[in-house]
């Protein structure tokens, strides 16, 4: 279900679909009114959105710590469109999820693997707080 999740751009709709699919795999219906905290305790399964955020953070650490201009780094830094702009809000990019919650010091922290790993939980909690609002 989460194959390639490191490169996804998450929004509320996708998060809701993933959590619904996870609940469906556990055969729990919404009308049962079972809180997700209880489900996680009983099944020992982590939340799919938290797992995806953790994977994204790990992948961002690999990309930021690259010193040369490899294609993975160039693809994430690339501006998707040039020329005429479409109407409405621009589509969110992968790097926008990271930049929205990461602090400016995070690029320096990516060079030190210990600091990067400890900041992963902070990133996930911040992202979950912002996504729930």
Protein backbone atom coordinates (compact mmCIF):
# COMPACT_ATOMS: atom_id res chain seq x y z
CA UNK A 1 0.00 0.00 0.00
CA UNK A 2 2.86 2.39 0.65
CA UNK A 3 5.12 1.46 -2.25
CA UNK A 4 6.88 4.60 -3.42
CA UNK A 5 5.44 6.67 -0.57
CA UNK A 6 8.69 8.55 -0.13
CA UNK A 7 7.93 10.60 -3.22
CA UNK A 8 4.23 11.29 -2.62
CA UNK A 9 2.80 14.71 -1.92
CA UNK A 10 0.30 14.23 0.88
CA UNK A 11 -2.90 16.20 1.27
CA UNK A 12 -5.90 15.71 3.54
CA UNK A 13 -7.85 13.75 0.95
CA UNK A 14 -5.04 11.26 0.34
CA UNK A 15 -4.42 10.87 4.09
CA UNK A 16 -8.10 10.12 4.63
CA UNK A 17 -8.10 7.52 1.82
CA UNK A 18 -5.02 5.80 3.24
CA UNK A 19 -6.44 5.67 6.76
CA UNK A 20 -9.74 4.35 5.42
CA UNK A 21 -7.92 1.63 3.48
CA UNK A 22 -5.95 0.68 6.58
CA UNK A 23 -9.13 0.46 8.62
CA UNK A 24 -10.74 -1.62 5.86
CA UNK A 25 -7.84 -4.09 5.95
CA UNK A 26 -8.46 -4.49 9.68
CA UNK A 27 -12.19 -4.99 8.97
CA UNK A 28 -13.28 -2.12 11.24
CA UNK A 29 -16.16 0.10 10.18
CA UNK A 30 -16.67 3.75 11.10
CA UNK A 31 -20.08 2.99 12.58
CA UNK A 32 -18.35 0.77 15.16
CA UNK A 33 -17.01 4.05 16.64
CA UNK A 34 -13.68 2.54 17.66
CA UNK A 35 -11.06 5.25 18.25
CA UNK A 36 -7.89 4.94 16.20
CA UNK A 37 -5.81 4.95 19.39
CA UNK A 38 -7.57 1.77 20.52
CA UNK A 39 -7.08 0.16 17.11
CA UNK A 40 -3.34 0.92 17.21
CA UNK A 41 -2.98 -0.50 20.74
CA UNK A 42 -4.76 -3.76 19.92
CA UNK A 43 -3.20 -4.44 16.53
CA UNK A 44 0.28 -3.01 17.14
CA UNK A 45 0.04 -1.42 13.67
CA UNK A 46 1.38 2.09 13.23
CA UNK A 47 -0.65 4.77 11.48
CA UNK A 48 -0.06 4.66 7.74
CA UNK A 49 0.28 8.45 7.47
CA UNK A 50 2.92 8.54 10.20
CA UNK A 51 4.80 5.74 8.45
CA UNK A 52 4.73 7.66 5.16
CA UNK A 53 5.95 10.83 6.85
CA UNK A 54 8.80 8.93 8.48
CA UNK A 55 9.81 7.50 5.09
CA UNK A 56 9.60 10.93 3.45
CA UNK A 57 11.82 12.41 6.14
CA UNK A 58 14.41 9.67 5.66
CA UNK A 59 14.37 10.22 1.89
CA UNK A 60 14.69 13.99 2.37
CA UNK A 61 17.77 13.34 4.50
CA UNK A 62 19.35 11.39 1.66
CA UNK A 63 18.56 14.09 -0.87
CA UNK A 64 19.70 17.04 1.26
CA UNK A 65 22.94 15.35 2.26
CA UNK A 66 23.98 14.78 -1.37
CA UNK A 67 26.81 17.09 -2.22
CA UNK A 68 26.81 16.86 -6.00
CA UNK A 69 23.92 17.58 -8.34
CA UNK A 70 22.54 14.07 -8.85
CA UNK A 71 19.31 13.62 -10.75
CA UNK A 72 17.31 12.94 -7.58
CA UNK A 73 18.29 16.30 -6.15
CA UNK A 74 17.70 18.08 -9.45
CA UNK A 75 14.23 16.54 -9.78
CA UNK A 76 13.14 17.74 -6.35
CA UNK A 77 14.47 21.25 -6.87
CA UNK A 78 13.02 21.63 -10.36
CA UNK A 79 10.19 24.07 -10.91
CA UNK A 80 7.44 21.99 -12.55
CA UNK A 81 6.01 24.50 -15.00
CA UNK A 82 7.21 27.40 -17.02
CA UNK A 83 5.20 29.72 -19.18
CA UNK A 84 1.52 30.35 -18.71
CA UNK A 85 0.15 29.72 -15.22
CA UNK A 86 -3.08 27.79 -14.70
CA UNK A 87 -5.90 29.28 -12.69
CA UNK A 88 -6.19 28.49 -9.02
CA UNK A 89 -3.78 27.37 -6.39
CA UNK A 90 -0.58 25.75 -7.66
CA UNK A 91 -0.27 22.03 -7.05
CA UNK A 92 1.77 21.06 -4.02
CA UNK A 93 5.17 19.58 -4.71
CA UNK A 94 7.06 16.99 -2.72
CA UNK A 95 9.51 19.49 -1.33
CA UNK A 96 6.67 21.77 -0.18
CA UNK A 97 5.65 19.19 2.45
CA UNK A 98 9.18 19.14 3.84
CA UNK A 99 9.70 22.91 3.75
CA UNK A 100 6.35 23.64 5.38
CA UNK A 101 7.33 21.94 8.62
CA UNK A 102 11.13 21.73 8.59
CA UNK A 103 13.17 24.48 10.18
CA UNK A 104 15.85 26.37 8.22
CA UNK A 105 18.59 24.54 10.15
CA UNK A 106 17.45 21.18 8.78
CA UNK A 107 19.87 21.23 5.84
CA UNK A 108 22.80 21.52 8.22
CA UNK A 109 21.30 18.78 10.41
CA UNK A 110 21.11 16.45 7.40
CA UNK A 111 24.89 16.32 7.32
CA UNK A 112 24.86 14.95 10.88
CA UNK A 113 22.82 11.74 10.79
CA UNK A 114 22.11 11.69 14.54
CA UNK A 115 20.56 15.14 14.54
CA UNK A 116 18.55 14.30 11.43
CA UNK A 117 17.12 11.13 12.96
CA UNK A 118 16.18 12.88 16.20
CA UNK A 119 14.41 15.64 14.29
CA UNK A 120 12.28 13.06 12.43
CA UNK A 121 9.79 12.65 15.27
CA UNK A 122 9.45 16.42 15.62
CA UNK A 123 8.77 16.70 11.90
CA UNK A 124 6.12 13.97 11.98
CA UNK A 125 4.32 15.50 14.96
CA UNK A 126 4.37 18.98 13.42
CA UNK A 127 3.07 17.63 10.13
CA UNK A 128 0.27 15.70 11.81
CA UNK A 129 -0.76 18.84 13.77
CA UNK A 130 -0.83 20.96 10.62
CA UNK A 131 -2.67 18.29 8.62
CA UNK A 132 -5.39 17.93 11.23
CA UNK A 133 -6.20 21.67 11.19
